């Protein structure tokens, strides 16, 4: 665990308002964040922000165009801020990305390499977006990967289930927050 980091991805106010299903997601995520800190694992936040006027959004990119039309992810807008229930502490790294993957249009790889991090623990919203995109990108960069199944959330519960139960286990360790915390506890 010494070379791991917990990535808390796209847990922004507007995203939580759209996706939160009332299942206690933010409480589970807070527990993972607190557990990582207690174990000395860096917590790195990743947010999607687009410049005013959206110069980085191509009309050919359906996902990003739809987000802009919905009024999401405008740099500096209150809804783009990290949700208060899991907000970063002073000194935490916050990485800004411009696309789906935490690596796309960001300096995340630089931050990780500078800290000699070679394993990532993924959490965030949505399972079918930032988590999936980041997982694939991290595989290509040779990172070890753990996905916290119940610290990921999607607007479509069936898509979430399919990814967590069928697809992700082929490429990553997939565990519940409680099991991850137990594995980190001193023996």
N, C-alpha and C. Protein backbone atom coordinates (compact mmCIF):
# COMPACT_ATOMS: atom_id res chain seq x y z
N UNK A 1 0.81 -1.20 0.00
CA UNK A 1 0.00 0.00 0.00
C UNK A 1 0.86 1.27 0.00
N UNK A 2 2.15 1.14 0.27
CA UNK A 2 3.00 2.31 0.40
C UNK A 2 3.08 3.12 -0.89
N UNK A 3 2.90 2.48 -2.04
CA UNK A 3 2.98 3.19 -3.32
C UNK A 3 1.61 3.34 -3.97
N UNK A 4 0.58 3.42 -3.16
CA UNK A 4 -0.79 3.57 -3.66
C UNK A 4 -1.30 4.98 -3.44
N UNK A 5 -2.32 5.33 -4.20
CA UNK A 5 -3.06 6.57 -3.98
C UNK A 5 -4.53 6.28 -4.23
N UNK A 6 -5.38 6.92 -3.44
CA UNK A 6 -6.83 6.85 -3.64
C UNK A 6 -7.23 8.01 -4.53
N UNK A 7 -7.85 7.71 -5.66
CA UNK A 7 -8.38 8.74 -6.55
C UNK A 7 -9.87 8.90 -6.29
N UNK A 8 -10.27 10.10 -5.91
CA UNK A 8 -11.67 10.44 -5.70
C UNK A 8 -12.07 11.30 -6.89
N UNK A 9 -12.87 10.72 -7.79
CA UNK A 9 -13.06 11.30 -9.11
C UNK A 9 -14.49 11.77 -9.38
N UNK A 10 -14.59 13.00 -9.81
CA UNK A 10 -15.84 13.62 -10.27
C UNK A 10 -16.94 13.63 -9.22
N UNK A 11 -16.57 13.67 -7.96
CA UNK A 11 -17.57 13.74 -6.89
C UNK A 11 -17.84 15.23 -6.64
N UNK A 12 -18.42 15.83 -7.67
CA UNK A 12 -18.70 17.25 -7.69
C UNK A 12 -20.18 17.49 -7.39
N UNK A 13 -20.49 18.65 -6.88
CA UNK A 13 -21.86 18.92 -6.41
C UNK A 13 -22.93 18.57 -7.44
N UNK A 14 -22.80 19.05 -8.67
CA UNK A 14 -23.82 18.77 -9.68
C UNK A 14 -23.90 17.29 -10.01
N UNK A 15 -22.77 16.61 -10.04
CA UNK A 15 -22.75 15.18 -10.36
C UNK A 15 -23.43 14.39 -9.25
N UNK A 16 -23.13 14.73 -8.00
CA UNK A 16 -23.77 14.05 -6.86
C UNK A 16 -25.28 14.28 -6.91
N UNK A 17 -25.70 15.50 -7.21
CA UNK A 17 -27.13 15.81 -7.28
C UNK A 17 -27.85 14.95 -8.33
N UNK A 18 -27.17 14.64 -9.41
CA UNK A 18 -27.75 13.82 -10.48
C UNK A 18 -27.73 12.33 -10.11
N UNK A 19 -26.64 11.86 -9.52
CA UNK A 19 -26.42 10.42 -9.38
C UNK A 19 -26.75 9.83 -8.01
N UNK A 20 -26.73 10.63 -6.96
CA UNK A 20 -26.89 10.05 -5.61
C UNK A 20 -28.24 9.35 -5.48
N UNK A 21 -28.16 8.08 -5.09
CA UNK A 21 -29.35 7.24 -5.03
C UNK A 21 -29.89 7.06 -3.61
N UNK A 22 -29.34 7.80 -2.66
CA UNK A 22 -29.81 7.71 -1.29
C UNK A 22 -29.32 6.49 -0.54
N UNK A 23 -28.33 5.79 -1.09
CA UNK A 23 -27.84 4.55 -0.48
C UNK A 23 -26.70 4.76 0.52
N UNK A 24 -26.34 6.00 0.78
CA UNK A 24 -25.23 6.26 1.69
C UNK A 24 -23.89 6.34 0.99
N UNK A 25 -23.92 6.63 -0.30
CA UNK A 25 -22.69 6.67 -1.09
C UNK A 25 -21.64 7.60 -0.48
N UNK A 26 -22.01 8.83 -0.17
CA UNK A 26 -21.03 9.78 0.35
C UNK A 26 -20.45 9.34 1.68
N UNK A 27 -21.24 8.69 2.50
CA UNK A 27 -20.76 8.17 3.79
C UNK A 27 -19.72 7.08 3.56
N UNK A 28 -19.98 6.18 2.62
CA UNK A 28 -18.99 5.12 2.31
C UNK A 28 -17.71 5.72 1.74
N UNK A 29 -17.86 6.69 0.86
CA UNK A 29 -16.69 7.32 0.27
C UNK A 29 -15.89 8.06 1.34
N UNK A 30 -16.56 8.75 2.24
CA UNK A 30 -15.88 9.46 3.33
C UNK A 30 -15.08 8.45 4.18
N UNK A 31 -15.67 7.29 4.43
CA UNK A 31 -14.99 6.25 5.20
C UNK A 31 -13.72 5.78 4.48
N UNK A 32 -13.79 5.63 3.16
CA UNK A 32 -12.62 5.24 2.37
C UNK A 32 -11.54 6.32 2.44
N UNK A 33 -11.96 7.57 2.31
CA UNK A 33 -11.01 8.69 2.37
C UNK A 33 -10.33 8.73 3.74
N UNK A 34 -11.12 8.64 4.79
CA UNK A 34 -10.55 8.67 6.14
C UNK A 34 -9.62 7.49 6.38
N UNK A 35 -10.00 6.31 5.88
CA UNK A 35 -9.15 5.12 6.01
C UNK A 35 -7.85 5.26 5.26
N UNK A 36 -7.89 5.82 4.07
CA UNK A 36 -6.67 6.04 3.29
C UNK A 36 -5.74 6.98 4.04
N UNK A 37 -6.29 8.07 4.53
CA UNK A 37 -5.46 9.03 5.28
C UNK A 37 -4.84 8.38 6.51
N UNK A 38 -5.62 7.61 7.23
CA UNK A 38 -5.12 6.94 8.44
C UNK A 38 -3.99 5.97 8.11
N UNK A 39 -4.03 5.38 6.91
CA UNK A 39 -3.00 4.43 6.49
C UNK A 39 -1.83 5.12 5.78
N UNK A 40 -1.89 6.44 5.68
CA UNK A 40 -0.81 7.16 5.02
C UNK A 40 -0.87 7.10 3.51
N UNK A 41 -2.03 6.76 2.96
CA UNK A 41 -2.21 6.69 1.51
C UNK A 41 -2.69 8.05 1.02
N UNK A 42 -2.00 8.65 0.06
CA UNK A 42 -2.44 9.96 -0.44
C UNK A 42 -3.83 9.87 -1.07
N UNK A 43 -4.61 10.91 -0.83
CA UNK A 43 -5.92 11.06 -1.45
C UNK A 43 -5.78 12.16 -2.50
N UNK A 44 -6.06 11.80 -3.73
CA UNK A 44 -5.96 12.75 -4.84
C UNK A 44 -7.35 12.91 -5.44
N UNK A 45 -7.80 14.15 -5.47
CA UNK A 45 -9.10 14.46 -6.02
C UNK A 45 -8.96 14.80 -7.50
N UNK A 46 -9.93 14.38 -8.29
CA UNK A 46 -9.94 14.67 -9.72
C UNK A 46 -11.29 15.30 -10.03
N UNK A 47 -11.25 16.46 -10.71
CA UNK A 47 -12.49 17.14 -11.09
C UNK A 47 -12.47 17.41 -12.60
N UNK A 48 -13.64 17.41 -13.17
CA UNK A 48 -13.81 17.78 -14.57
C UNK A 48 -14.24 19.24 -14.59
N UNK A 49 -13.45 20.06 -15.25
CA UNK A 49 -13.80 21.47 -15.41
C UNK A 49 -13.51 21.89 -16.84
N UNK A 50 -14.42 22.69 -17.38
CA UNK A 50 -14.28 23.21 -18.73
C UNK A 50 -14.21 24.72 -18.67
N UNK A 51 -13.31 25.29 -19.43
CA UNK A 51 -13.15 26.75 -19.46
C UNK A 51 -14.43 27.42 -19.96
N UNK A 52 -14.68 28.64 -19.51
CA UNK A 52 -15.83 29.38 -20.05
C UNK A 52 -15.72 29.46 -21.57
N UNK A 53 -16.82 29.21 -22.23
CA UNK A 53 -16.83 29.18 -23.69
C UNK A 53 -16.49 27.81 -24.25
N UNK A 54 -16.05 26.89 -23.39
CA UNK A 54 -15.81 25.49 -23.74
C UNK A 54 -14.89 25.29 -24.94
N UNK A 55 -13.73 25.95 -24.98
CA UNK A 55 -12.86 25.82 -26.15
C UNK A 55 -12.31 24.41 -26.34
N UNK A 56 -12.36 23.58 -25.29
CA UNK A 56 -11.83 22.23 -25.42
C UNK A 56 -12.88 21.20 -25.82
N UNK A 57 -14.11 21.66 -26.11
CA UNK A 57 -15.20 20.74 -26.44
C UNK A 57 -15.47 20.78 -27.94
N UNK A 58 -15.24 19.65 -28.58
CA UNK A 58 -15.51 19.51 -30.01
C UNK A 58 -16.96 19.11 -30.21
N UNK A 59 -17.61 19.61 -31.22
CA UNK A 59 -18.98 19.17 -31.48
C UNK A 59 -19.05 17.69 -31.86
N UNK A 60 -17.91 17.09 -32.20
CA UNK A 60 -17.88 15.65 -32.52
C UNK A 60 -17.90 14.79 -31.26
N UNK A 61 -17.65 15.40 -30.12
CA UNK A 61 -17.63 14.65 -28.86
C UNK A 61 -19.01 14.74 -28.21
N UNK A 62 -19.79 13.71 -28.43
CA UNK A 62 -21.19 13.70 -27.97
C UNK A 62 -21.29 13.84 -26.44
N UNK A 63 -20.45 13.13 -25.71
CA UNK A 63 -20.52 13.15 -24.24
C UNK A 63 -20.25 14.55 -23.72
N UNK A 64 -19.16 15.17 -24.17
CA UNK A 64 -18.80 16.49 -23.67
C UNK A 64 -19.81 17.54 -24.14
N UNK A 65 -20.29 17.43 -25.36
CA UNK A 65 -21.29 18.37 -25.87
C UNK A 65 -22.57 18.30 -25.04
N UNK A 66 -23.00 17.09 -24.70
CA UNK A 66 -24.20 16.93 -23.88
C UNK A 66 -24.00 17.50 -22.47
N UNK A 67 -22.81 17.34 -21.91
CA UNK A 67 -22.52 17.91 -20.59
C UNK A 67 -22.60 19.43 -20.62
N UNK A 68 -22.06 20.02 -21.67
CA UNK A 68 -22.11 21.48 -21.83
C UNK A 68 -23.56 21.95 -21.97
N UNK A 69 -24.33 21.25 -22.78
CA UNK A 69 -25.75 21.61 -22.96
C UNK A 69 -26.52 21.52 -21.65
N UNK A 70 -26.11 20.59 -20.79
CA UNK A 70 -26.77 20.43 -19.49
C UNK A 70 -26.26 21.45 -18.47
N UNK A 71 -25.29 22.27 -18.87
CA UNK A 71 -24.76 23.29 -17.97
C UNK A 71 -23.80 22.76 -16.94
N UNK A 72 -23.19 21.61 -17.21
CA UNK A 72 -22.29 20.98 -16.25
C UNK A 72 -20.83 21.35 -16.49
N UNK A 73 -20.06 21.33 -15.42
CA UNK A 73 -18.60 21.36 -15.44
C UNK A 73 -17.96 22.68 -15.84
N UNK A 74 -18.68 23.78 -15.75
CA UNK A 74 -18.08 25.07 -16.07
C UNK A 74 -17.11 25.46 -14.96
N UNK A 75 -15.89 25.74 -15.35
CA UNK A 75 -14.84 26.12 -14.41
C UNK A 75 -15.32 27.27 -13.53
N UNK A 76 -15.19 27.09 -12.22
CA UNK A 76 -15.55 28.13 -11.26
C UNK A 76 -17.01 28.14 -10.84
N UNK A 77 -17.87 27.38 -11.50
CA UNK A 77 -19.29 27.35 -11.12
C UNK A 77 -19.46 26.58 -9.81
N UNK A 78 -20.40 26.99 -8.96
CA UNK A 78 -20.58 26.30 -7.67
C UNK A 78 -20.84 24.80 -7.80
N UNK A 79 -21.57 24.38 -8.81
CA UNK A 79 -21.88 22.97 -8.99
C UNK A 79 -20.68 22.13 -9.39
N UNK A 80 -19.62 22.77 -9.81
CA UNK A 80 -18.41 22.06 -10.23
C UNK A 80 -17.49 21.77 -9.04
N UNK A 81 -17.75 22.41 -7.90
CA UNK A 81 -16.92 22.18 -6.71
C UNK A 81 -17.10 20.76 -6.18
N UNK A 82 -16.06 20.24 -5.54
CA UNK A 82 -16.13 18.93 -4.89
C UNK A 82 -17.18 18.99 -3.79
N UNK A 83 -17.97 17.95 -3.68
CA UNK A 83 -19.06 17.92 -2.69
C UNK A 83 -18.49 18.12 -1.29
N UNK A 84 -19.18 18.94 -0.50
CA UNK A 84 -18.71 19.30 0.83
C UNK A 84 -18.50 18.09 1.75
N UNK A 85 -19.29 17.04 1.59
CA UNK A 85 -19.18 15.86 2.47
C UNK A 85 -17.87 15.10 2.30
N UNK A 86 -17.19 15.32 1.19
CA UNK A 86 -15.92 14.61 0.93
C UNK A 86 -14.83 15.59 0.50
N UNK A 87 -14.99 16.84 0.86
CA UNK A 87 -14.09 17.90 0.39
C UNK A 87 -12.64 17.64 0.79
N UNK A 88 -11.72 18.09 -0.06
CA UNK A 88 -10.29 17.92 0.26
C UNK A 88 -9.88 18.75 1.47
N UNK A 89 -8.82 18.28 2.09
CA UNK A 89 -8.18 19.04 3.18
C UNK A 89 -7.05 19.87 2.60
N UNK A 90 -6.63 20.84 3.37
CA UNK A 90 -5.48 21.63 2.94
C UNK A 90 -4.30 20.71 2.69
N UNK A 91 -3.64 20.89 1.57
CA UNK A 91 -2.50 20.05 1.22
C UNK A 91 -2.85 18.89 0.30
N UNK A 92 -4.14 18.55 0.20
CA UNK A 92 -4.54 17.50 -0.74
C UNK A 92 -4.36 18.01 -2.17
N UNK A 93 -4.01 17.11 -3.06
CA UNK A 93 -3.86 17.46 -4.46
C UNK A 93 -5.23 17.36 -5.13
N UNK A 94 -5.55 18.40 -5.91
CA UNK A 94 -6.76 18.39 -6.75
C UNK A 94 -6.29 18.55 -8.19
N UNK A 95 -6.62 17.56 -9.00
CA UNK A 95 -6.23 17.54 -10.41
C UNK A 95 -7.45 17.91 -11.25
N UNK A 96 -7.26 18.80 -12.18
CA UNK A 96 -8.33 19.18 -13.10
C UNK A 96 -8.11 18.48 -14.43
N UNK A 97 -9.17 17.84 -14.90
CA UNK A 97 -9.11 17.16 -16.20
C UNK A 97 -10.09 17.82 -17.15
N UNK A 98 -9.96 17.51 -18.41
CA UNK A 98 -10.81 18.12 -19.43
C UNK A 98 -11.63 17.09 -20.21
N UNK A 99 -11.51 15.82 -19.84
CA UNK A 99 -12.22 14.74 -20.52
C UNK A 99 -12.63 13.68 -19.49
N UNK A 100 -13.05 12.51 -20.00
CA UNK A 100 -13.57 11.45 -19.15
C UNK A 100 -12.56 10.84 -18.22
N UNK A 101 -11.41 10.44 -18.73
CA UNK A 101 -10.38 9.80 -17.91
C UNK A 101 -9.70 10.83 -17.02
N UNK A 102 -9.34 10.41 -15.83
CA UNK A 102 -8.61 11.29 -14.91
C UNK A 102 -7.27 11.72 -15.50
N UNK A 103 -6.77 10.99 -16.46
CA UNK A 103 -5.49 11.31 -17.09
C UNK A 103 -5.63 12.27 -18.27
N UNK A 104 -6.80 12.37 -18.87
CA UNK A 104 -6.99 13.13 -20.11
C UNK A 104 -7.04 14.63 -19.85
N UNK A 105 -6.08 15.32 -20.41
CA UNK A 105 -6.03 16.76 -20.26
C UNK A 105 -5.67 17.22 -18.87
N UNK A 106 -4.95 16.36 -18.12
CA UNK A 106 -4.57 16.71 -16.75
C UNK A 106 -3.08 16.40 -16.54
N UNK A 107 -2.61 16.76 -15.36
CA UNK A 107 -1.22 16.44 -14.99
C UNK A 107 -1.18 15.30 -13.97
N UNK A 108 -2.22 14.46 -13.96
CA UNK A 108 -2.28 13.36 -12.98
C UNK A 108 -1.07 12.44 -13.08
N UNK A 109 -0.68 12.04 -14.28
CA UNK A 109 0.45 11.13 -14.42
C UNK A 109 1.72 11.74 -13.81
N UNK A 110 1.93 13.02 -14.03
CA UNK A 110 3.08 13.72 -13.46
C UNK A 110 3.04 13.69 -11.93
N UNK A 111 1.88 13.97 -11.35
CA UNK A 111 1.72 13.96 -9.90
C UNK A 111 2.02 12.56 -9.34
N UNK A 112 1.49 11.53 -9.99
CA UNK A 112 1.69 10.16 -9.52
C UNK A 112 3.16 9.75 -9.64
N UNK A 113 3.77 10.01 -10.76
CA UNK A 113 5.18 9.63 -10.97
C UNK A 113 6.09 10.37 -10.00
N UNK A 114 5.80 11.64 -9.73
CA UNK A 114 6.63 12.42 -8.80
C UNK A 114 6.58 11.83 -7.39
N UNK A 115 5.48 11.17 -7.06
CA UNK A 115 5.33 10.55 -5.74
C UNK A 115 5.65 9.06 -5.74
N UNK A 116 6.13 8.57 -6.88
CA UNK A 116 6.48 7.16 -7.04
C UNK A 116 5.29 6.23 -6.77
N UNK A 117 4.11 6.68 -7.17
CA UNK A 117 2.89 5.88 -7.00
C UNK A 117 2.75 4.95 -8.19
N UNK A 118 2.55 3.66 -7.89
CA UNK A 118 2.40 2.67 -8.96
C UNK A 118 1.11 1.87 -8.87
N UNK A 119 0.28 2.18 -7.87
CA UNK A 119 -1.00 1.49 -7.70
C UNK A 119 -2.08 2.51 -7.38
N UNK A 120 -3.23 2.36 -8.02
CA UNK A 120 -4.34 3.29 -7.83
C UNK A 120 -5.55 2.58 -7.25
N UNK A 121 -6.21 3.27 -6.36
CA UNK A 121 -7.48 2.83 -5.80
C UNK A 121 -8.53 3.80 -6.34
N UNK A 122 -9.49 3.28 -7.09
CA UNK A 122 -10.43 4.13 -7.81
C UNK A 122 -11.79 4.21 -7.10
N UNK A 123 -12.29 5.45 -7.01
CA UNK A 123 -13.63 5.72 -6.48
C UNK A 123 -14.18 6.92 -7.24
N UNK A 124 -15.48 6.94 -7.45
CA UNK A 124 -16.04 8.11 -8.11
C UNK A 124 -17.36 7.89 -8.80
N UNK A 125 -17.81 8.96 -9.43
CA UNK A 125 -19.07 8.99 -10.16
C UNK A 125 -18.75 9.49 -11.57
N UNK A 126 -19.04 8.76 -12.55
CA UNK A 126 -19.85 7.58 -12.66
C UNK A 126 -18.98 6.38 -13.01
N UNK A 127 -19.45 5.23 -12.57
CA UNK A 127 -18.76 3.98 -12.84
C UNK A 127 -18.54 3.79 -14.34
N UNK A 128 -19.54 4.14 -15.13
CA UNK A 128 -19.47 3.95 -16.58
C UNK A 128 -18.75 5.08 -17.31
N UNK A 129 -18.28 6.07 -16.58
CA UNK A 129 -17.61 7.21 -17.20
C UNK A 129 -16.19 7.32 -16.65
N UNK A 130 -15.99 8.15 -15.65
CA UNK A 130 -14.63 8.41 -15.15
C UNK A 130 -13.95 7.15 -14.63
N UNK A 131 -14.67 6.28 -13.95
CA UNK A 131 -14.03 5.09 -13.38
C UNK A 131 -13.58 4.16 -14.51
N UNK A 132 -14.47 3.88 -15.45
CA UNK A 132 -14.13 3.02 -16.58
C UNK A 132 -13.00 3.64 -17.42
N UNK A 133 -13.11 4.90 -17.75
CA UNK A 133 -12.09 5.57 -18.57
C UNK A 133 -10.73 5.59 -17.88
N UNK A 134 -10.74 5.89 -16.60
CA UNK A 134 -9.48 5.96 -15.86
C UNK A 134 -8.87 4.58 -15.69
N UNK A 135 -9.71 3.58 -15.44
CA UNK A 135 -9.22 2.21 -15.31
C UNK A 135 -8.47 1.80 -16.58
N UNK A 136 -9.08 2.02 -17.74
CA UNK A 136 -8.44 1.65 -19.01
C UNK A 136 -7.15 2.41 -19.22
N UNK A 137 -7.16 3.69 -18.93
CA UNK A 137 -5.97 4.51 -19.12
C UNK A 137 -4.86 4.03 -18.17
N UNK A 138 -5.22 3.75 -16.93
CA UNK A 138 -4.24 3.28 -15.94
C UNK A 138 -3.65 1.92 -16.33
N UNK A 139 -4.46 1.07 -16.92
CA UNK A 139 -3.95 -0.22 -17.40
C UNK A 139 -2.87 0.02 -18.44
N UNK A 140 -3.13 0.92 -19.37
CA UNK A 140 -2.15 1.23 -20.42
C UNK A 140 -0.88 1.84 -19.87
N UNK A 141 -0.96 2.47 -18.69
CA UNK A 141 0.21 3.07 -18.06
C UNK A 141 0.87 2.14 -17.04
N UNK A 142 0.39 0.90 -16.96
CA UNK A 142 0.96 -0.14 -16.09
C UNK A 142 0.81 0.12 -14.60
N UNK A 143 -0.27 0.77 -14.19
CA UNK A 143 -0.56 0.92 -12.77
C UNK A 143 -1.29 -0.32 -12.26
N UNK A 144 -1.03 -0.69 -11.03
CA UNK A 144 -1.87 -1.67 -10.35
C UNK A 144 -3.18 -0.97 -10.01
N UNK A 145 -4.28 -1.71 -10.04
CA UNK A 145 -5.59 -1.06 -9.87
C UNK A 145 -6.47 -1.83 -8.91
N UNK A 146 -7.07 -1.08 -7.99
CA UNK A 146 -8.14 -1.58 -7.13
C UNK A 146 -9.33 -0.67 -7.34
N UNK A 147 -10.50 -1.26 -7.49
CA UNK A 147 -11.73 -0.48 -7.61
C UNK A 147 -12.56 -0.72 -6.35
N UNK A 148 -12.94 0.36 -5.68
CA UNK A 148 -13.81 0.26 -4.51
C UNK A 148 -15.25 0.22 -5.01
N UNK A 149 -15.80 -0.99 -5.05
CA UNK A 149 -17.10 -1.22 -5.70
C UNK A 149 -18.20 -0.31 -5.17
N UNK A 150 -18.28 -0.15 -3.86
CA UNK A 150 -19.36 0.65 -3.29
C UNK A 150 -18.96 2.10 -3.05
N UNK A 151 -17.78 2.49 -3.53
CA UNK A 151 -17.38 3.90 -3.54
C UNK A 151 -17.42 4.43 -4.97
N UNK A 152 -18.05 3.64 -5.84
CA UNK A 152 -18.34 4.06 -7.20
C UNK A 152 -19.86 4.08 -7.33
N UNK A 153 -20.34 4.95 -8.19
CA UNK A 153 -21.77 5.12 -8.34
C UNK A 153 -22.08 5.46 -9.79
N UNK A 154 -23.22 5.02 -10.26
CA UNK A 154 -23.63 5.31 -11.63
C UNK A 154 -25.12 5.64 -11.64
N UNK A 155 -25.54 6.42 -12.61
CA UNK A 155 -26.97 6.72 -12.72
C UNK A 155 -27.78 5.50 -13.15
N UNK A 156 -27.11 4.52 -13.72
CA UNK A 156 -27.77 3.29 -14.13
C UNK A 156 -27.25 2.14 -13.27
N UNK A 157 -28.03 1.69 -12.29
CA UNK A 157 -27.56 0.64 -11.38
C UNK A 157 -27.17 -0.66 -12.10
N UNK A 158 -27.85 -0.99 -13.18
CA UNK A 158 -27.53 -2.22 -13.90
C UNK A 158 -26.18 -2.11 -14.60
N UNK A 159 -25.87 -0.97 -15.17
CA UNK A 159 -24.56 -0.75 -15.79
C UNK A 159 -23.47 -0.83 -14.72
N UNK A 160 -23.71 -0.20 -13.58
CA UNK A 160 -22.77 -0.27 -12.46
C UNK A 160 -22.51 -1.73 -12.08
N UNK A 161 -23.58 -2.48 -11.89
CA UNK A 161 -23.46 -3.89 -11.49
C UNK A 161 -22.66 -4.68 -12.52
N UNK A 162 -22.98 -4.50 -13.78
CA UNK A 162 -22.29 -5.22 -14.84
C UNK A 162 -20.78 -4.91 -14.83
N UNK A 163 -20.44 -3.65 -14.72
CA UNK A 163 -19.02 -3.27 -14.70
C UNK A 163 -18.32 -3.83 -13.47
N UNK A 164 -18.93 -3.66 -12.31
CA UNK A 164 -18.30 -4.07 -11.04
C UNK A 164 -18.21 -5.59 -10.93
N UNK A 165 -19.22 -6.30 -11.36
CA UNK A 165 -19.24 -7.75 -11.19
C UNK A 165 -18.64 -8.53 -12.35
N UNK A 166 -18.77 -8.02 -13.56
CA UNK A 166 -18.35 -8.80 -14.72
C UNK A 166 -17.08 -8.29 -15.39
N UNK A 167 -17.01 -7.00 -15.64
CA UNK A 167 -15.92 -6.47 -16.45
C UNK A 167 -14.67 -6.11 -15.63
N UNK A 168 -14.84 -5.27 -14.62
CA UNK A 168 -13.68 -4.79 -13.86
C UNK A 168 -12.85 -5.91 -13.23
N UNK A 169 -13.45 -6.99 -12.71
CA UNK A 169 -12.62 -8.04 -12.10
C UNK A 169 -11.64 -8.70 -13.08
N UNK A 170 -11.85 -8.53 -14.37
CA UNK A 170 -10.90 -9.08 -15.34
C UNK A 170 -9.59 -8.31 -15.36
N UNK A 171 -9.62 -7.05 -14.90
CA UNK A 171 -8.44 -6.18 -15.02
C UNK A 171 -7.97 -5.59 -13.71
N UNK A 172 -8.77 -5.71 -12.64
CA UNK A 172 -8.44 -5.03 -11.39
C UNK A 172 -8.97 -5.84 -10.22
N UNK A 173 -8.44 -5.51 -9.05
CA UNK A 173 -9.04 -6.02 -7.82
C UNK A 173 -10.29 -5.19 -7.57
N UNK A 174 -11.39 -5.84 -7.28
CA UNK A 174 -12.64 -5.13 -6.99
C UNK A 174 -13.08 -5.55 -5.60
N UNK A 175 -13.17 -4.57 -4.70
CA UNK A 175 -13.50 -4.85 -3.31
C UNK A 175 -14.44 -3.79 -2.77
N UNK A 176 -15.13 -4.14 -1.71
CA UNK A 176 -15.97 -3.17 -0.99
C UNK A 176 -15.07 -2.33 -0.09
N UNK A 177 -15.53 -1.14 0.25
CA UNK A 177 -14.76 -0.24 1.11
C UNK A 177 -14.37 -0.94 2.41
N UNK A 178 -15.31 -1.60 3.06
CA UNK A 178 -15.03 -2.27 4.34
C UNK A 178 -13.93 -3.32 4.21
N UNK A 179 -13.97 -4.09 3.14
CA UNK A 179 -12.94 -5.12 2.93
C UNK A 179 -11.58 -4.49 2.65
N UNK A 180 -11.56 -3.39 1.91
CA UNK A 180 -10.30 -2.68 1.65
C UNK A 180 -9.71 -2.14 2.95
N UNK A 181 -10.58 -1.56 3.79
CA UNK A 181 -10.10 -1.02 5.07
C UNK A 181 -9.57 -2.14 5.96
N UNK A 182 -10.22 -3.27 5.98
CA UNK A 182 -9.74 -4.41 6.78
C UNK A 182 -8.40 -4.89 6.28
N UNK A 183 -8.21 -4.93 4.97
CA UNK A 183 -6.94 -5.38 4.40
C UNK A 183 -5.80 -4.43 4.74
N UNK A 184 -6.11 -3.17 4.97
CA UNK A 184 -5.07 -2.19 5.33
C UNK A 184 -4.77 -2.16 6.81
N UNK A 185 -5.66 -2.71 7.61
CA UNK A 185 -5.49 -2.64 9.07
C UNK A 185 -4.24 -3.43 9.50
N UNK A 186 -3.52 -2.89 10.49
CA UNK A 186 -2.35 -3.62 11.00
C UNK A 186 -2.75 -4.99 11.53
N UNK A 187 -1.96 -5.98 11.21
CA UNK A 187 -2.29 -7.35 11.64
C UNK A 187 -1.69 -7.66 12.99
